[in-house]
Amino acid sequence: MSDASSSGKNAAPWGAVAAVVVVPPAAAIVAAVYQFPVFMYGEARGLSEADNAAMGSLFYLLFGGGPIMALLGAAAGGFVSRHTRPGIHRARVGALIAGAAVALLAAMTVGIASGLG
């Protein structure tokens, strides 16, 4: 087994953790720029309601979104870490960035989908 593949296996959980942890800040960013749906509140829009979007995203994480985000973050982190040069530090940093990107894309998807309906 090569060093890159072993570091990829070790770095995939870092992508999962990053994806779950970055969801509230990503929701706040999407709400500040566009809009983000908050359960039993409505649409959070603007910088003044970014905190409501961050707290509302916790509802989505607790009721089914957490495992999905963890799986997507682990997949993205594993993919990126396998395609970097060998080294556990590079693999972990790549996995963290990939997990954060997954969280931002998911928050953007939820925000855009709420605007369509």
N, C-alpha and C. Protein backbone atom coordinates (compact mmCIF):
# COMPACT_ATOMS: atom_id res chain seq x y z
N MET A 1 0.85 -1.18 0.00
CA MET A 1 0.00 0.00 0.00
C MET A 1 0.89 1.24 0.00
N SER A 2 0.62 2.17 -0.85
CA SER A 2 1.46 3.36 -0.94
C SER A 2 1.14 4.33 0.18
N ASP A 3 2.03 5.29 0.36
CA ASP A 3 1.86 6.28 1.42
C ASP A 3 0.65 7.16 1.17
N ALA A 4 0.38 7.48 -0.10
CA ALA A 4 -0.76 8.36 -0.42
C ALA A 4 -2.08 7.70 -0.10
N SER A 5 -2.21 6.40 -0.38
CA SER A 5 -3.49 5.75 -0.11
C SER A 5 -3.71 5.56 1.38
N SER A 6 -2.64 5.29 2.14
CA SER A 6 -2.81 5.14 3.58
C SER A 6 -3.14 6.48 4.22
N SER A 7 -2.52 7.57 3.73
CA SER A 7 -2.85 8.87 4.28
C SER A 7 -4.27 9.29 3.89
N GLY A 8 -4.74 8.82 2.74
CA GLY A 8 -6.10 9.11 2.33
C GLY A 8 -7.11 8.47 3.25
N LYS A 9 -6.82 7.25 3.69
CA LYS A 9 -7.72 6.58 4.62
C LYS A 9 -7.72 7.28 5.97
N ASN A 10 -6.57 7.78 6.38
CA ASN A 10 -6.48 8.46 7.66
C ASN A 10 -7.09 9.85 7.62
N ALA A 11 -7.17 10.45 6.44
CA ALA A 11 -7.63 11.82 6.33
C ALA A 11 -9.13 11.93 6.05
N ALA A 12 -9.77 10.87 5.63
CA ALA A 12 -11.21 10.94 5.32
C ALA A 12 -12.05 11.36 6.52
N PRO A 13 -11.79 10.90 7.75
CA PRO A 13 -12.58 11.40 8.88
C PRO A 13 -12.43 12.89 9.13
N TRP A 14 -11.28 13.44 8.77
CA TRP A 14 -11.10 14.89 8.91
C TRP A 14 -12.05 15.64 7.98
N GLY A 15 -12.28 15.12 6.79
CA GLY A 15 -13.24 15.73 5.88
C GLY A 15 -14.65 15.63 6.41
N ALA A 16 -14.97 14.50 7.05
CA ALA A 16 -16.30 14.33 7.64
C ALA A 16 -16.53 15.33 8.76
N VAL A 17 -15.56 15.48 9.64
CA VAL A 17 -15.69 16.42 10.75
C VAL A 17 -15.79 17.85 10.24
N ALA A 18 -14.96 18.18 9.27
CA ALA A 18 -14.99 19.55 8.72
C ALA A 18 -16.33 19.85 8.08
N ALA A 19 -16.91 18.89 7.37
CA ALA A 19 -18.19 19.12 6.71
C ALA A 19 -19.29 19.40 7.73
N VAL A 20 -19.30 18.67 8.82
CA VAL A 20 -20.35 18.86 9.83
C VAL A 20 -20.13 20.14 10.62
N VAL A 21 -18.90 20.45 10.95
CA VAL A 21 -18.61 21.63 11.78
C VAL A 21 -18.80 22.93 11.00
N VAL A 22 -18.56 22.92 9.71
CA VAL A 22 -18.61 24.15 8.92
C VAL A 22 -20.03 24.48 8.45
N VAL A 23 -21.00 23.60 8.67
CA VAL A 23 -22.36 23.87 8.21
C VAL A 23 -22.95 25.15 8.80
N PRO A 24 -22.89 25.39 10.12
CA PRO A 24 -23.47 26.66 10.62
C PRO A 24 -22.83 27.92 10.06
N PRO A 25 -21.48 28.02 9.99
CA PRO A 25 -20.92 29.21 9.35
C PRO A 25 -21.27 29.32 7.87
N ALA A 26 -21.36 28.19 7.19
CA ALA A 26 -21.74 28.22 5.78
C ALA A 26 -23.17 28.70 5.61
N ALA A 27 -24.06 28.27 6.49
CA ALA A 27 -25.45 28.75 6.44
C ALA A 27 -25.51 30.24 6.71
N ALA A 28 -24.70 30.72 7.64
CA ALA A 28 -24.68 32.16 7.92
C ALA A 28 -24.18 32.95 6.72
N ILE A 29 -23.18 32.43 6.03
CA ILE A 29 -22.65 33.11 4.84
C ILE A 29 -23.71 33.15 3.75
N VAL A 30 -24.39 32.03 3.54
CA VAL A 30 -25.42 31.98 2.49
C VAL A 30 -26.56 32.92 2.84
N ALA A 31 -26.94 32.99 4.11
CA ALA A 31 -28.01 33.91 4.52
C ALA A 31 -27.59 35.35 4.34
N ALA A 32 -26.35 35.67 4.62
CA ALA A 32 -25.88 37.04 4.47
C ALA A 32 -25.84 37.46 3.01
N VAL A 33 -25.55 36.53 2.12
CA VAL A 33 -25.44 36.86 0.71
C VAL A 33 -26.77 36.70 -0.02
N TYR A 34 -27.52 35.65 0.30
CA TYR A 34 -28.75 35.35 -0.42
C TYR A 34 -29.91 35.12 0.55
N GLN A 35 -30.18 33.88 0.88
CA GLN A 35 -31.21 33.53 1.86
C GLN A 35 -30.99 32.10 2.31
N PHE A 36 -31.51 31.78 3.49
CA PHE A 36 -31.40 30.42 4.00
C PHE A 36 -32.68 30.11 4.76
N PRO A 37 -33.33 28.97 4.46
CA PRO A 37 -34.58 28.65 5.15
C PRO A 37 -34.32 28.15 6.57
N VAL A 38 -35.07 28.68 7.50
CA VAL A 38 -34.98 28.27 8.90
C VAL A 38 -36.32 27.68 9.29
N PHE A 39 -36.30 26.47 9.83
CA PHE A 39 -37.52 25.77 10.20
C PHE A 39 -38.30 26.57 11.24
N MET A 40 -39.59 26.74 11.00
CA MET A 40 -40.53 27.47 11.86
C MET A 40 -40.15 28.94 12.07
N TYR A 41 -39.40 29.50 11.16
CA TYR A 41 -39.03 30.91 11.22
C TYR A 41 -39.26 31.59 9.88
N GLY A 42 -38.92 30.92 8.83
CA GLY A 42 -39.04 31.49 7.49
C GLY A 42 -37.66 31.61 6.87
N GLU A 43 -37.53 32.59 6.02
CA GLU A 43 -36.26 32.80 5.32
C GLU A 43 -35.39 33.77 6.12
N ALA A 44 -34.17 33.38 6.37
CA ALA A 44 -33.19 34.27 6.98
C ALA A 44 -32.44 34.96 5.86
N ARG A 45 -32.53 36.28 5.84
CA ARG A 45 -31.89 37.06 4.78
C ARG A 45 -31.11 38.21 5.38
N GLY A 46 -29.95 38.43 4.86
CA GLY A 46 -29.14 39.56 5.27
C GLY A 46 -28.20 39.23 6.43
N LEU A 47 -27.30 40.14 6.66
CA LEU A 47 -26.30 39.96 7.70
C LEU A 47 -26.91 39.95 9.09
N SER A 48 -28.00 40.67 9.28
CA SER A 48 -28.63 40.72 10.60
C SER A 48 -29.29 39.40 10.99
N GLU A 49 -29.61 38.54 10.04
CA GLU A 49 -30.24 37.26 10.34
C GLU A 49 -29.30 36.07 10.11
N ALA A 50 -28.03 36.34 9.96
CA ALA A 50 -27.06 35.26 9.74
C ALA A 50 -26.99 34.34 10.95
N ASP A 51 -27.12 34.89 12.15
CA ASP A 51 -27.10 34.04 13.35
C ASP A 51 -28.31 33.12 13.40
N ASN A 52 -29.46 33.59 12.93
CA ASN A 52 -30.64 32.73 12.87
C ASN A 52 -30.42 31.57 11.89
N ALA A 53 -29.76 31.85 10.78
CA ALA A 53 -29.48 30.79 9.81
C ALA A 53 -28.52 29.77 10.38
N ALA A 54 -27.51 30.23 11.12
CA ALA A 54 -26.55 29.31 11.73
C ALA A 54 -27.24 28.41 12.74
N MET A 55 -28.11 28.97 13.55
CA MET A 55 -28.84 28.16 14.53
C MET A 55 -29.86 27.25 13.84
N GLY A 56 -30.47 27.73 12.78
CA GLY A 56 -31.43 26.92 12.04
C GLY A 56 -30.77 25.74 11.34
N SER A 57 -29.52 25.91 10.93
CA SER A 57 -28.83 24.81 10.28
C SER A 57 -28.56 23.67 11.25
N LEU A 58 -28.49 23.96 12.53
CA LEU A 58 -28.32 22.90 13.52
C LEU A 58 -29.53 21.97 13.54
N PHE A 59 -30.71 22.54 13.29
CA PHE A 59 -31.92 21.71 13.20
C PHE A 59 -31.78 20.69 12.07
N TYR A 60 -31.30 21.15 10.92
CA TYR A 60 -31.12 20.26 9.78
C TYR A 60 -30.07 19.19 10.08
N LEU A 61 -29.01 19.57 10.80
CA LEU A 61 -27.98 18.59 11.14
C LEU A 61 -28.52 17.54 12.10
N LEU A 62 -29.29 17.97 13.09
CA LEU A 62 -29.80 17.03 14.10
C LEU A 62 -30.85 16.08 13.54
N PHE A 63 -31.62 16.53 12.59
CA PHE A 63 -32.70 15.71 12.06
C PHE A 63 -32.40 15.15 10.68
N GLY A 64 -31.21 14.55 10.54
CA GLY A 64 -30.90 13.80 9.33
C GLY A 64 -29.76 14.32 8.50
N GLY A 65 -29.42 15.57 8.61
CA GLY A 65 -28.37 16.12 7.76
C GLY A 65 -26.97 15.81 8.23
N GLY A 66 -26.79 15.53 9.52
CA GLY A 66 -25.46 15.26 10.06
C GLY A 66 -24.79 14.05 9.43
N PRO A 67 -25.46 12.89 9.43
CA PRO A 67 -24.82 11.73 8.80
C PRO A 67 -24.58 11.91 7.29
N ILE A 68 -25.49 12.58 6.63
CA ILE A 68 -25.32 12.81 5.20
C ILE A 68 -24.12 13.71 4.95
N MET A 69 -24.00 14.78 5.73
CA MET A 69 -22.86 15.67 5.57
C MET A 69 -21.56 14.96 5.91
N ALA A 70 -21.59 14.11 6.93
CA ALA A 70 -20.38 13.37 7.31
C ALA A 70 -19.95 12.42 6.19
N LEU A 71 -20.90 11.74 5.58
CA LEU A 71 -20.57 10.83 4.47
C LEU A 71 -20.02 11.59 3.27
N LEU A 72 -20.67 12.69 2.92
CA LEU A 72 -20.19 13.49 1.79
C LEU A 72 -18.82 14.10 2.07
N GLY A 73 -18.62 14.58 3.30
CA GLY A 73 -17.32 15.15 3.66
C GLY A 73 -16.23 14.11 3.67
N ALA A 74 -16.55 12.90 4.17
CA ALA A 74 -15.55 11.83 4.17
C ALA A 74 -15.20 11.41 2.75
N ALA A 75 -16.19 11.34 1.88
CA ALA A 75 -15.93 10.98 0.49
C ALA A 75 -15.06 12.03 -0.19
N ALA A 76 -15.41 13.29 0.00
CA ALA A 76 -14.62 14.37 -0.61
C ALA A 76 -13.22 14.43 -0.01
N GLY A 77 -13.11 14.28 1.30
CA GLY A 77 -11.80 14.30 1.94
C GLY A 77 -10.93 13.15 1.52
N GLY A 78 -11.52 11.97 1.40
CA GLY A 78 -10.76 10.82 0.93
C GLY A 78 -10.32 10.97 -0.51
N PHE A 79 -11.19 11.50 -1.34
CA PHE A 79 -10.85 11.70 -2.75
C PHE A 79 -9.70 12.69 -2.89
N VAL A 80 -9.80 13.81 -2.21
CA VAL A 80 -8.77 14.84 -2.33
C VAL A 80 -7.45 14.36 -1.74
N SER A 81 -7.52 13.68 -0.60
CA SER A 81 -6.27 13.25 0.03
C SER A 81 -5.58 12.15 -0.77
N ARG A 82 -6.32 11.36 -1.51
CA ARG A 82 -5.70 10.34 -2.35
C ARG A 82 -5.04 10.95 -3.59
N HIS A 83 -5.48 12.12 -3.97
CA HIS A 83 -4.94 12.75 -5.18
C HIS A 83 -3.95 13.87 -4.86
N THR A 84 -3.44 13.89 -3.65
CA THR A 84 -2.39 14.85 -3.31
C THR A 84 -1.07 14.11 -3.22
N ARG A 85 0.00 14.85 -3.12
CA ARG A 85 1.31 14.23 -2.95
C ARG A 85 1.36 13.52 -1.60
N PRO A 86 2.19 12.51 -1.48
CA PRO A 86 2.27 11.78 -0.21
C PRO A 86 2.63 12.68 0.96
N GLY A 87 2.03 12.39 2.07
CA GLY A 87 2.28 13.15 3.29
C GLY A 87 0.98 13.33 4.04
N ILE A 88 0.98 12.96 5.30
CA ILE A 88 -0.26 13.00 6.07
C ILE A 88 -0.73 14.43 6.31
N HIS A 89 0.19 15.37 6.44
CA HIS A 89 -0.21 16.76 6.67
C HIS A 89 -0.95 17.32 5.46
N ARG A 90 -0.43 17.09 4.29
CA ARG A 90 -1.11 17.56 3.07
C ARG A 90 -2.46 16.89 2.91
N ALA A 91 -2.53 15.61 3.23
CA ALA A 91 -3.79 14.89 3.09
C ALA A 91 -4.84 15.43 4.05
N ARG A 92 -4.44 15.73 5.27
CA ARG A 92 -5.41 16.26 6.24
C ARG A 92 -5.88 17.66 5.87
N VAL A 93 -4.97 18.49 5.44
CA VAL A 93 -5.36 19.85 5.03
C VAL A 93 -6.29 19.79 3.83
N GLY A 94 -5.97 18.94 2.88
CA GLY A 94 -6.85 18.78 1.72
C GLY A 94 -8.21 18.25 2.11
N ALA A 95 -8.25 17.32 3.05
CA ALA A 95 -9.53 16.77 3.51
C ALA A 95 -10.34 17.83 4.25
N LEU A 96 -9.70 18.65 5.04
CA LEU A 96 -10.41 19.72 5.74
C LEU A 96 -11.00 20.73 4.76
N ILE A 97 -10.23 21.10 3.78
CA ILE A 97 -10.73 22.05 2.77
C ILE A 97 -11.87 21.43 1.97
N ALA A 98 -11.74 20.16 1.61
CA ALA A 98 -12.80 19.49 0.85
C ALA A 98 -14.07 19.39 1.67
N GLY A 99 -13.96 19.07 2.96
CA GLY A 99 -15.13 19.00 3.82
C GLY A 99 -15.81 20.35 3.97
N ALA A 100 -15.02 21.40 4.11
CA ALA A 100 -15.60 22.74 4.20
C ALA A 100 -16.29 23.13 2.90
N ALA A 101 -15.72 22.75 1.77
CA ALA A 101 -16.34 23.04 0.48
C ALA A 101 -17.66 22.30 0.32
N VAL A 102 -17.72 21.06 0.80
CA VAL A 102 -18.96 20.29 0.75
C VAL A 102 -20.04 20.99 1.58
N ALA A 103 -19.68 21.48 2.76
CA ALA A 103 -20.65 22.17 3.62
C ALA A 103 -21.15 23.45 2.95
N LEU A 104 -20.26 24.20 2.34
CA LEU A 104 -20.68 25.43 1.66
C LEU A 104 -21.58 25.13 0.47
N LEU A 105 -21.24 24.10 -0.29
CA LEU A 105 -22.09 23.72 -1.43
C LEU A 105 -23.47 23.24 -0.96
N ALA A 106 -23.51 22.51 0.13
CA ALA A 106 -24.80 22.05 0.66
C ALA A 106 -25.65 23.23 1.14
N ALA A 107 -25.03 24.17 1.83
CA ALA A 107 -25.78 25.35 2.28
C ALA A 107 -26.28 26.17 1.10
N MET A 108 -25.46 26.30 0.07
CA MET A 108 -25.90 27.02 -1.13
C MET A 108 -27.05 26.30 -1.80
N THR A 109 -26.99 24.98 -1.85
CA THR A 109 -28.06 24.21 -2.45
C THR A 109 -29.36 24.38 -1.71
N VAL A 110 -29.31 24.34 -0.39
CA VAL A 110 -30.54 24.53 0.41
C VAL A 110 -31.08 25.95 0.22
N GLY A 111 -30.21 26.93 0.20
CA GLY A 111 -30.66 28.31 -0.01
C GLY A 111 -31.28 28.54 -1.36
N ILE A 112 -30.66 28.01 -2.39
CA ILE A 112 -31.20 28.18 -3.75
C ILE A 112 -32.48 27.40 -3.94
N ALA A 113 -32.54 26.19 -3.38
CA ALA A 113 -33.74 25.38 -3.50
C ALA A 113 -34.92 26.02 -2.79
N SER A 114 -34.67 26.71 -1.69
CA SER A 114 -35.78 27.38 -0.99
C SER A 114 -36.29 28.58 -1.80
N GLY A 115 -35.42 29.19 -2.57
CA GLY A 115 -35.85 30.30 -3.40
C GLY A 115 -36.63 29.88 -4.61
N LEU A 116 -36.49 28.63 -5.03
CA LEU A 116 -37.21 28.14 -6.21
C LEU A 116 -38.67 27.81 -5.90
N GLY A 117 -38.92 27.42 -4.65
CA GLY A 117 -40.25 26.94 -4.30
C GLY A 117 -41.14 27.96 -3.87
